[in-house]
């Protein structure tokens, strides 16, 4: 007896809110496509162009640079440096290294996550903040530490950290 294969219905195309100009990747692909070990430099370049790696970029890299989708996705999800969704205007990095952990950085992180109403790695609805925990910021003498953009804040308490973030939000509302 033969079993008839039933075709899976194709999902309807998702509506793209902000289409990505993939032509920005052309020079990057041309530079790296024939080089050995080009996967990470290509992903880094794409992220530098867009601030994250758009879904459509994976398909373009697959077709034009010959990279396998599963390899690209595996690398992009393994390394914390890569983003698969847009980040907020201000990225808050919470150090969870040993020195910061001992100094109760978890309480600070929880305070900010509650205040911003997001989870670790997420972006606020207004796209102003993304909060992410990191292994170490290399400022152990300042523990507990957070970085917002290029600015480092040390010897924090939950209240001080919340005050810093609220002040940034206040400044953003004025612009």
N, C-alpha and C. Protein backbone atom coordinates (compact mmCIF):
# COMPACT_ATOMS: atom_id res chain seq x y z
N UNK A 1 0.83 -1.17 0.00
CA UNK A 1 0.00 0.00 0.00
C UNK A 1 0.89 1.25 0.00
N UNK A 2 0.59 2.16 -0.86
CA UNK A 2 1.34 3.41 -0.94
C UNK A 2 0.66 4.48 -0.10
N UNK A 3 1.47 5.28 0.52
CA UNK A 3 0.94 6.39 1.32
C UNK A 3 1.12 7.67 0.51
N UNK A 4 0.06 8.38 0.40
CA UNK A 4 0.10 9.63 -0.34
C UNK A 4 0.61 10.75 0.56
N UNK A 5 1.59 11.46 0.07
CA UNK A 5 2.16 12.57 0.82
C UNK A 5 1.20 13.76 0.75
N UNK A 6 0.91 14.32 1.92
CA UNK A 6 0.02 15.47 2.00
C UNK A 6 0.89 16.72 2.10
N UNK A 7 0.73 17.63 1.15
CA UNK A 7 1.56 18.84 1.20
C UNK A 7 1.18 19.73 2.38
N UNK A 8 2.21 20.31 2.99
CA UNK A 8 1.97 21.26 4.09
C UNK A 8 1.57 22.59 3.50
N UNK A 9 0.55 23.20 4.05
CA UNK A 9 0.18 24.53 3.54
C UNK A 9 1.29 25.53 3.86
N UNK A 10 1.57 26.41 2.93
CA UNK A 10 2.59 27.44 3.14
C UNK A 10 2.00 28.56 3.98
N UNK A 11 2.73 29.01 4.98
CA UNK A 11 2.21 30.12 5.79
C UNK A 11 2.17 31.39 4.94
N UNK A 12 1.19 32.22 5.25
CA UNK A 12 1.09 33.48 4.53
C UNK A 12 2.29 34.34 4.88
N UNK A 13 2.74 35.12 3.93
CA UNK A 13 3.90 35.98 4.15
C UNK A 13 3.61 36.96 5.28
N UNK A 14 4.55 37.08 6.17
CA UNK A 14 4.40 38.01 7.28
C UNK A 14 4.54 39.43 6.75
N UNK A 15 3.79 40.31 7.35
CA UNK A 15 3.87 41.71 6.97
C UNK A 15 5.12 42.29 7.63
N UNK A 16 5.97 42.86 6.82
CA UNK A 16 7.20 43.44 7.34
C UNK A 16 6.93 44.89 7.70
N UNK A 17 7.08 45.22 9.00
CA UNK A 17 6.80 46.57 9.46
C UNK A 17 7.81 47.56 8.90
N UNK A 18 9.07 47.26 9.05
CA UNK A 18 10.14 48.13 8.57
C UNK A 18 11.03 47.33 7.63
N UNK A 19 10.76 47.39 6.34
CA UNK A 19 11.57 46.59 5.43
C UNK A 19 13.04 47.01 5.51
N UNK A 20 13.90 46.02 5.37
CA UNK A 20 15.34 46.23 5.48
C UNK A 20 15.92 46.39 4.08
N UNK A 21 16.77 47.39 3.90
CA UNK A 21 17.43 47.60 2.62
C UNK A 21 18.62 46.65 2.53
N UNK A 22 18.39 45.50 1.93
CA UNK A 22 19.43 44.47 1.84
C UNK A 22 20.58 44.85 0.92
N UNK A 23 20.38 45.86 0.09
CA UNK A 23 21.46 46.27 -0.81
C UNK A 23 22.65 46.83 -0.03
N UNK A 24 22.41 47.25 1.21
CA UNK A 24 23.52 47.74 2.04
C UNK A 24 24.56 46.65 2.30
N UNK A 25 24.15 45.39 2.16
CA UNK A 25 25.05 44.26 2.41
C UNK A 25 25.94 43.92 1.22
N UNK A 26 25.66 44.48 0.06
CA UNK A 26 26.36 44.08 -1.16
C UNK A 26 27.88 44.22 -1.06
N UNK A 27 28.37 45.36 -0.60
CA UNK A 27 29.82 45.58 -0.49
C UNK A 27 30.44 44.63 0.53
N UNK A 28 29.72 44.39 1.61
CA UNK A 28 30.20 43.48 2.65
C UNK A 28 30.34 42.06 2.10
N UNK A 29 29.33 41.61 1.39
CA UNK A 29 29.36 40.26 0.81
C UNK A 29 30.49 40.16 -0.21
N UNK A 30 30.63 41.17 -1.04
CA UNK A 30 31.69 41.17 -2.04
C UNK A 30 33.06 41.06 -1.39
N UNK A 31 33.25 41.76 -0.28
CA UNK A 31 34.53 41.77 0.42
C UNK A 31 34.88 40.40 1.01
N UNK A 32 33.88 39.68 1.55
CA UNK A 32 34.16 38.46 2.30
C UNK A 32 33.73 37.14 1.63
N UNK A 33 32.95 37.18 0.57
CA UNK A 33 32.33 35.95 0.09
C UNK A 33 33.32 34.87 -0.33
N UNK A 34 34.48 35.24 -0.80
CA UNK A 34 35.43 34.22 -1.25
C UNK A 34 36.53 33.95 -0.23
N UNK A 35 36.41 34.53 0.96
CA UNK A 35 37.44 34.34 1.99
C UNK A 35 37.05 33.20 2.92
N UNK A 36 38.06 32.44 3.29
CA UNK A 36 37.84 31.35 4.24
C UNK A 36 37.58 31.94 5.63
N UNK A 37 36.68 31.34 6.38
CA UNK A 37 36.36 31.82 7.72
C UNK A 37 35.57 33.12 7.71
N UNK A 38 34.73 33.28 6.71
CA UNK A 38 34.00 34.54 6.54
C UNK A 38 32.71 34.65 7.34
N UNK A 39 32.28 33.58 7.96
CA UNK A 39 30.98 33.57 8.63
C UNK A 39 30.85 34.66 9.69
N UNK A 40 31.75 34.67 10.66
CA UNK A 40 31.65 35.65 11.75
C UNK A 40 31.86 37.08 11.25
N UNK A 41 32.86 37.36 10.40
CA UNK A 41 32.98 38.73 9.90
C UNK A 41 31.74 39.20 9.13
N UNK A 42 31.10 38.31 8.39
CA UNK A 42 29.88 38.69 7.68
C UNK A 42 28.75 39.00 8.65
N UNK A 43 28.57 38.16 9.65
CA UNK A 43 27.52 38.41 10.64
C UNK A 43 27.79 39.70 11.41
N UNK A 44 29.06 39.93 11.77
CA UNK A 44 29.41 41.16 12.47
C UNK A 44 29.13 42.38 11.59
N UNK A 45 29.48 42.27 10.32
CA UNK A 45 29.24 43.38 9.39
C UNK A 45 27.77 43.69 9.22
N UNK A 46 26.97 42.63 9.11
CA UNK A 46 25.52 42.82 8.97
C UNK A 46 24.97 43.49 10.22
N UNK A 47 25.41 43.04 11.37
CA UNK A 47 24.93 43.65 12.61
C UNK A 47 25.37 45.10 12.72
N UNK A 48 26.56 45.41 12.26
CA UNK A 48 27.02 46.79 12.28
C UNK A 48 26.16 47.67 11.37
N UNK A 49 25.72 47.11 10.26
CA UNK A 49 24.87 47.87 9.32
C UNK A 49 23.49 48.17 9.89
N UNK A 50 22.87 47.17 10.52
CA UNK A 50 21.47 47.28 10.92
C UNK A 50 21.25 47.39 12.43
N UNK A 51 22.29 47.12 13.23
CA UNK A 51 22.12 47.11 14.68
C UNK A 51 21.68 45.76 15.20
N UNK A 52 21.36 44.85 14.32
CA UNK A 52 20.99 43.47 14.62
C UNK A 52 21.09 42.71 13.31
N UNK A 53 20.83 41.40 13.34
CA UNK A 53 20.86 40.61 12.11
C UNK A 53 19.43 40.30 11.70
N UNK A 54 18.93 41.02 10.69
CA UNK A 54 17.56 40.77 10.25
C UNK A 54 17.41 39.38 9.63
N UNK A 55 16.25 38.83 9.75
CA UNK A 55 15.94 37.50 9.22
C UNK A 55 16.27 37.43 7.72
N UNK A 56 15.90 38.47 6.99
CA UNK A 56 16.12 38.51 5.55
C UNK A 56 17.60 38.45 5.20
N UNK A 57 18.45 38.96 6.09
CA UNK A 57 19.89 38.98 5.84
C UNK A 57 20.45 37.56 5.80
N UNK A 58 19.91 36.67 6.63
CA UNK A 58 20.36 35.28 6.61
C UNK A 58 20.14 34.66 5.23
N UNK A 59 18.97 34.94 4.64
CA UNK A 59 18.66 34.37 3.34
C UNK A 59 19.56 34.95 2.25
N UNK A 60 19.84 36.23 2.33
CA UNK A 60 20.73 36.86 1.35
C UNK A 60 22.14 36.27 1.47
N UNK A 61 22.63 36.11 2.70
CA UNK A 61 23.96 35.52 2.90
C UNK A 61 24.00 34.07 2.41
N UNK A 62 22.90 33.37 2.58
CA UNK A 62 22.80 31.99 2.10
C UNK A 62 22.96 31.93 0.59
N UNK A 63 22.24 32.77 -0.10
CA UNK A 63 22.23 32.76 -1.57
C UNK A 63 23.51 33.36 -2.14
N UNK A 64 23.92 34.51 -1.64
CA UNK A 64 25.01 35.24 -2.28
C UNK A 64 26.40 34.92 -1.75
N UNK A 65 26.49 34.45 -0.50
CA UNK A 65 27.81 34.12 0.05
C UNK A 65 27.97 32.61 0.22
N UNK A 66 26.89 31.87 -0.03
CA UNK A 66 26.97 30.41 0.06
C UNK A 66 27.05 29.85 1.46
N UNK A 67 26.64 30.64 2.44
CA UNK A 67 26.66 30.16 3.83
C UNK A 67 25.39 29.39 4.13
N UNK A 68 25.53 28.33 4.92
CA UNK A 68 24.38 27.51 5.29
C UNK A 68 23.56 28.20 6.38
N UNK A 69 22.25 28.17 6.21
CA UNK A 69 21.36 28.82 7.18
C UNK A 69 21.56 28.28 8.59
N UNK A 70 21.65 26.96 8.71
CA UNK A 70 21.78 26.38 10.05
C UNK A 70 23.10 26.77 10.72
N UNK A 71 24.17 26.90 9.94
CA UNK A 71 25.46 27.32 10.52
C UNK A 71 25.39 28.77 10.97
N UNK A 72 24.83 29.63 10.13
CA UNK A 72 24.72 31.04 10.50
C UNK A 72 23.88 31.22 11.75
N UNK A 73 22.73 30.56 11.79
CA UNK A 73 21.84 30.69 12.94
C UNK A 73 22.51 30.13 14.19
N UNK A 74 23.22 29.02 14.04
CA UNK A 74 23.92 28.42 15.17
C UNK A 74 24.95 29.38 15.77
N UNK A 75 25.72 30.02 14.91
CA UNK A 75 26.73 30.98 15.37
C UNK A 75 26.06 32.21 15.98
N UNK A 76 25.04 32.72 15.30
CA UNK A 76 24.37 33.95 15.75
C UNK A 76 23.67 33.75 17.10
N UNK A 77 23.21 32.54 17.38
CA UNK A 77 22.54 32.31 18.67
C UNK A 77 23.52 31.85 19.75
N UNK A 78 24.70 31.38 19.35
CA UNK A 78 25.70 30.93 20.33
C UNK A 78 26.43 32.11 20.96
N UNK A 79 26.85 33.06 20.13
CA UNK A 79 27.63 34.17 20.62
C UNK A 79 26.74 35.33 21.07
N UNK A 80 27.00 35.81 22.29
CA UNK A 80 26.18 36.87 22.86
C UNK A 80 26.31 38.19 22.12
N UNK A 81 27.35 38.34 21.31
CA UNK A 81 27.54 39.62 20.60
C UNK A 81 26.49 39.85 19.52
N UNK A 82 25.83 38.79 19.08
CA UNK A 82 24.87 38.93 17.98
C UNK A 82 23.45 39.11 18.49
N UNK A 83 22.70 39.94 17.78
CA UNK A 83 21.29 40.19 18.08
C UNK A 83 20.44 39.77 16.90
N UNK A 84 19.30 39.17 17.19
CA UNK A 84 18.37 38.78 16.14
C UNK A 84 17.14 39.69 16.10
N UNK A 85 17.12 40.68 16.96
CA UNK A 85 16.03 41.67 16.94
C UNK A 85 16.65 43.03 17.30
N UNK A 86 15.98 44.09 16.90
CA UNK A 86 16.53 45.42 17.16
C UNK A 86 16.69 45.70 18.65
N UNK A 87 17.75 46.39 18.99
CA UNK A 87 18.00 46.76 20.38
C UNK A 87 17.46 48.16 20.63
N UNK A 88 17.32 48.48 21.90
CA UNK A 88 16.88 49.82 22.28
C UNK A 88 17.97 50.85 22.01
N UNK A 89 17.61 52.09 22.11
CA UNK A 89 18.56 53.18 21.90
C UNK A 89 19.69 53.12 22.92
N UNK A 90 19.37 52.72 24.15
CA UNK A 90 20.36 52.60 25.22
C UNK A 90 20.43 51.14 25.66
N UNK A 91 21.61 50.56 25.57
CA UNK A 91 21.80 49.17 25.99
C UNK A 91 22.41 49.17 27.38
N UNK A 92 21.68 48.56 28.31
CA UNK A 92 22.14 48.46 29.69
C UNK A 92 22.78 47.08 29.84
N UNK A 93 24.06 47.06 30.17
CA UNK A 93 24.76 45.79 30.40
C UNK A 93 25.00 45.66 31.89
N UNK A 94 24.42 44.61 32.45
CA UNK A 94 24.56 44.33 33.88
C UNK A 94 25.62 43.26 34.07
N UNK A 95 26.69 43.61 34.79
CA UNK A 95 27.78 42.66 35.03
C UNK A 95 27.33 41.63 36.07
N UNK A 96 27.46 40.37 35.71
CA UNK A 96 27.15 39.28 36.64
C UNK A 96 28.37 38.41 36.89
N UNK A 97 29.55 39.03 36.82
CA UNK A 97 30.78 38.32 37.17
C UNK A 97 30.82 38.07 38.66
N UNK A 98 31.84 37.37 39.11
CA UNK A 98 31.92 36.97 40.51
C UNK A 98 31.88 38.15 41.47
N UNK A 99 32.68 39.17 41.23
CA UNK A 99 32.72 40.32 42.14
C UNK A 99 31.36 41.01 42.22
N UNK A 100 30.70 41.17 41.09
CA UNK A 100 29.38 41.83 41.08
C UNK A 100 28.32 40.93 41.70
N UNK A 101 28.44 39.63 41.42
CA UNK A 101 27.48 38.68 41.99
C UNK A 101 27.53 38.72 43.52
N UNK A 102 28.74 38.72 44.07
CA UNK A 102 28.92 38.76 45.52
C UNK A 102 28.37 40.06 46.10
N UNK A 103 28.38 41.12 45.31
CA UNK A 103 27.89 42.43 45.75
C UNK A 103 26.41 42.64 45.40
N UNK A 104 25.68 41.55 45.17
CA UNK A 104 24.22 41.56 44.98
C UNK A 104 23.73 42.25 43.71
N UNK A 105 24.43 42.05 42.61
CA UNK A 105 23.98 42.64 41.35
C UNK A 105 22.63 42.07 40.91
N UNK A 106 22.30 40.88 41.35
CA UNK A 106 21.02 40.28 40.98
C UNK A 106 19.86 41.15 41.46
N UNK A 107 19.96 41.71 42.65
CA UNK A 107 18.90 42.59 43.17
C UNK A 107 18.77 43.84 42.31
N UNK A 108 19.89 44.36 41.84
CA UNK A 108 19.87 45.55 40.98
C UNK A 108 19.24 45.21 39.64
N UNK A 109 19.66 44.09 39.07
CA UNK A 109 19.11 43.65 37.78
C UNK A 109 17.61 43.45 37.90
N UNK A 110 17.17 42.76 38.94
CA UNK A 110 15.73 42.52 39.13
C UNK A 110 14.96 43.83 39.27
N UNK A 111 15.54 44.79 39.98
CA UNK A 111 14.89 46.10 40.15
C UNK A 111 14.69 46.77 38.80
N UNK A 112 15.71 46.76 37.96
CA UNK A 112 15.62 47.41 36.65
C UNK A 112 14.66 46.66 35.72
N UNK A 113 14.72 45.33 35.75
CA UNK A 113 13.81 44.55 34.90
C UNK A 113 12.36 44.83 35.28
N UNK A 114 12.08 44.89 36.58
CA UNK A 114 10.73 45.20 37.04
C UNK A 114 10.32 46.62 36.62
N UNK A 115 11.23 47.57 36.82
CA UNK A 115 10.94 48.96 36.49
C UNK A 115 10.68 49.14 34.98
N UNK A 116 11.46 48.45 34.16
CA UNK A 116 11.32 48.58 32.71
C UNK A 116 10.26 47.65 32.13
N UNK A 117 9.79 46.72 32.96
CA UNK A 117 8.77 45.75 32.56
C UNK A 117 9.22 44.89 31.36
N UNK A 118 10.45 44.39 31.47
CA UNK A 118 11.01 43.50 30.45
C UNK A 118 11.72 42.34 31.13
N UNK A 119 12.15 41.39 30.32
CA UNK A 119 12.98 40.27 30.78
C UNK A 119 14.39 40.50 30.26
N UNK A 120 15.34 39.76 30.82
CA UNK A 120 16.73 39.87 30.41
C UNK A 120 16.84 39.66 28.89
N UNK A 121 17.52 40.58 28.22
CA UNK A 121 17.71 40.48 26.78
C UNK A 121 16.63 41.15 25.96
N UNK A 122 15.58 41.63 26.61
CA UNK A 122 14.47 42.24 25.89
C UNK A 122 14.62 43.76 25.80
N UNK A 123 13.80 44.34 24.95
CA UNK A 123 13.79 45.78 24.72
C UNK A 123 12.44 46.34 25.16
N UNK A 124 12.47 47.51 25.76
CA UNK A 124 11.23 48.13 26.20
C UNK A 124 10.35 48.47 25.00
N UNK A 125 9.05 48.56 25.25
CA UNK A 125 8.10 48.85 24.16
C UNK A 125 8.43 50.15 23.43
N UNK A 126 8.92 51.13 24.17
CA UNK A 126 9.24 52.42 23.55
C UNK A 126 10.59 52.41 22.83
N UNK A 127 11.26 51.26 22.84
CA UNK A 127 12.55 51.07 22.14
C UNK A 127 13.67 51.94 22.70
N UNK A 128 13.53 52.37 23.94
CA UNK A 128 14.58 53.20 24.55
C UNK A 128 15.65 52.34 25.20
N UNK A 129 15.26 51.26 25.90
CA UNK A 129 16.23 50.45 26.63
C UNK A 129 16.19 48.98 26.24
N UNK A 130 17.38 48.39 26.20
CA UNK A 130 17.54 46.94 26.15
C UNK A 130 18.43 46.61 27.34
N UNK A 131 18.03 45.63 28.14
CA UNK A 131 18.85 45.22 29.29
C UNK A 131 19.34 43.81 29.06
N UNK A 132 20.64 43.63 29.26
CA UNK A 132 21.21 42.30 29.12
C UNK A 132 22.26 42.05 30.19
N UNK A 133 22.28 40.83 30.69
CA UNK A 133 23.31 40.47 31.64
C UNK A 133 24.52 39.98 30.86
N UNK A 134 25.70 40.30 31.38
CA UNK A 134 26.95 39.89 30.74
C UNK A 134 27.83 39.21 31.78
N UNK A 135 28.77 38.41 31.32
CA UNK A 135 29.61 37.64 32.23
C UNK A 135 30.54 38.53 33.04
N UNK A 136 31.14 39.53 32.42
CA UNK A 136 32.06 40.41 33.15
C UNK A 136 32.31 41.66 32.33
N UNK A 137 32.35 42.80 33.01
CA UNK A 137 32.68 44.06 32.35
C UNK A 137 34.11 44.50 32.64
N UNK A 138 34.81 43.73 33.48
CA UNK A 138 36.21 44.03 33.76
C UNK A 138 36.42 45.21 34.68
N UNK A 139 35.43 45.53 35.49
CA UNK A 139 35.52 46.65 36.43
C UNK A 139 35.29 46.13 37.85
N UNK A 140 35.95 45.07 38.20
CA UNK A 140 35.67 44.36 39.45
C UNK A 140 35.82 45.24 40.69
N UNK A 141 36.72 46.21 40.67
CA UNK A 141 36.91 47.07 41.84
C UNK A 141 35.73 48.02 42.04
N UNK A 142 34.87 48.15 41.02
CA UNK A 142 33.69 49.01 41.11
C UNK A 142 32.40 48.24 41.38
N UNK A 143 32.50 46.95 41.63
CA UNK A 143 31.34 46.08 41.77
C UNK A 143 30.36 46.59 42.82
N UNK A 144 29.07 46.46 42.54
CA UNK A 144 28.43 45.97 41.32
C UNK A 144 28.37 47.08 40.25
N UNK A 145 28.48 46.64 38.99
CA UNK A 145 28.67 47.55 37.87
C UNK A 145 27.62 47.33 36.78
N UNK A 146 27.25 48.46 36.12
CA UNK A 146 26.47 48.37 34.89
C UNK A 146 27.06 49.37 33.91
N UNK A 147 26.87 49.09 32.63
CA UNK A 147 27.27 50.02 31.58
C UNK A 147 26.03 50.38 30.79
N UNK A 148 25.91 51.64 30.46
CA UNK A 148 24.85 52.09 29.56
C UNK A 148 25.58 52.82 28.45
N UNK A 149 25.56 52.21 27.28
CA UNK A 149 26.36 52.73 26.18
C UNK A 149 27.83 52.60 26.55
N UNK A 150 28.56 53.71 26.53
CA UNK A 150 29.98 53.70 26.87
C UNK A 150 30.23 54.14 28.32
N UNK A 151 29.19 54.49 29.04
CA UNK A 151 29.30 55.00 30.40
C UNK A 151 29.22 53.86 31.41
N UNK A 152 30.17 53.84 32.35
CA UNK A 152 30.22 52.81 33.38
C UNK A 152 29.77 53.40 34.71
N UNK A 153 28.91 52.65 35.41
CA UNK A 153 28.40 53.07 36.71
C UNK A 153 28.75 51.99 37.72
N UNK A 154 29.43 52.36 38.80
CA UNK A 154 29.87 51.38 39.77
C UNK A 154 29.39 51.66 41.18
N UNK A 155 29.66 50.68 42.05
CA UNK A 155 29.27 50.75 43.46
C UNK A 155 27.78 51.04 43.59
N UNK A 156 26.98 50.34 42.78
CA UNK A 156 25.55 50.61 42.67
C UNK A 156 24.71 49.95 43.75
N UNK A 157 23.57 50.55 43.99
CA UNK A 157 22.49 49.95 44.76
C UNK A 157 21.30 49.88 43.81
N UNK A 158 20.28 49.10 44.14
CA UNK A 158 19.10 49.08 43.27
C UNK A 158 18.51 50.48 43.08
N UNK A 159 18.46 51.26 44.15
CA UNK A 159 17.88 52.60 44.07
C UNK A 159 18.71 53.52 43.15
N UNK A 160 20.04 53.46 43.26
CA UNK A 160 20.90 54.30 42.43
C UNK A 160 20.78 53.93 40.95
N UNK A 161 20.76 52.63 40.68
CA UNK A 161 20.64 52.17 39.29
C UNK A 161 19.31 52.63 38.68
N UNK A 162 18.24 52.51 39.45
CA UNK A 162 16.92 52.94 38.97
C UNK A 162 16.92 54.45 38.71
N UNK A 163 17.57 55.20 39.57
CA UNK A 163 17.63 56.66 39.41
C UNK A 163 18.37 57.02 38.11
N UNK A 164 19.45 56.33 37.81
CA UNK A 164 20.22 56.59 36.59
C UNK A 164 19.37 56.32 35.36
N UNK A 165 18.67 55.18 35.35
CA UNK A 165 17.84 54.82 34.20
C UNK A 165 16.67 55.79 34.06
N UNK A 166 16.06 56.18 35.17
CA UNK A 166 14.95 57.15 35.12
C UNK A 166 15.42 58.49 34.56
N UNK A 167 16.63 58.90 34.91
CA UNK A 167 17.16 60.17 34.41
C UNK A 167 17.39 60.10 32.89
N UNK A 168 17.90 59.00 32.41
CA UNK A 168 18.08 58.83 30.97
C UNK A 168 16.73 58.87 30.27
N UNK A 169 15.75 58.19 30.85
CA UNK A 169 14.40 58.19 30.26
C UNK A 169 13.81 59.60 30.25
N UNK A 170 14.03 60.35 31.32
CA UNK A 170 13.53 61.72 31.40
C UNK A 170 14.16 62.57 30.29
N UNK A 171 15.46 62.43 30.09
CA UNK A 171 16.15 63.18 29.03
C UNK A 171 15.62 62.80 27.65
N UNK A 172 15.32 61.52 27.47
CA UNK A 172 14.79 61.05 26.18
C UNK A 172 13.42 61.65 25.90
N UNK A 173 12.63 61.84 26.95
CA UNK A 173 11.28 62.39 26.75
C UNK A 173 11.32 63.87 26.39
N UNK A 174 12.44 64.53 26.68
CA UNK A 174 12.59 65.95 26.36
C UNK A 174 13.00 66.17 24.90
N UNK A 175 13.54 65.13 24.30
CA UNK A 175 14.01 65.29 22.90
C UNK A 175 12.96 64.92 21.89
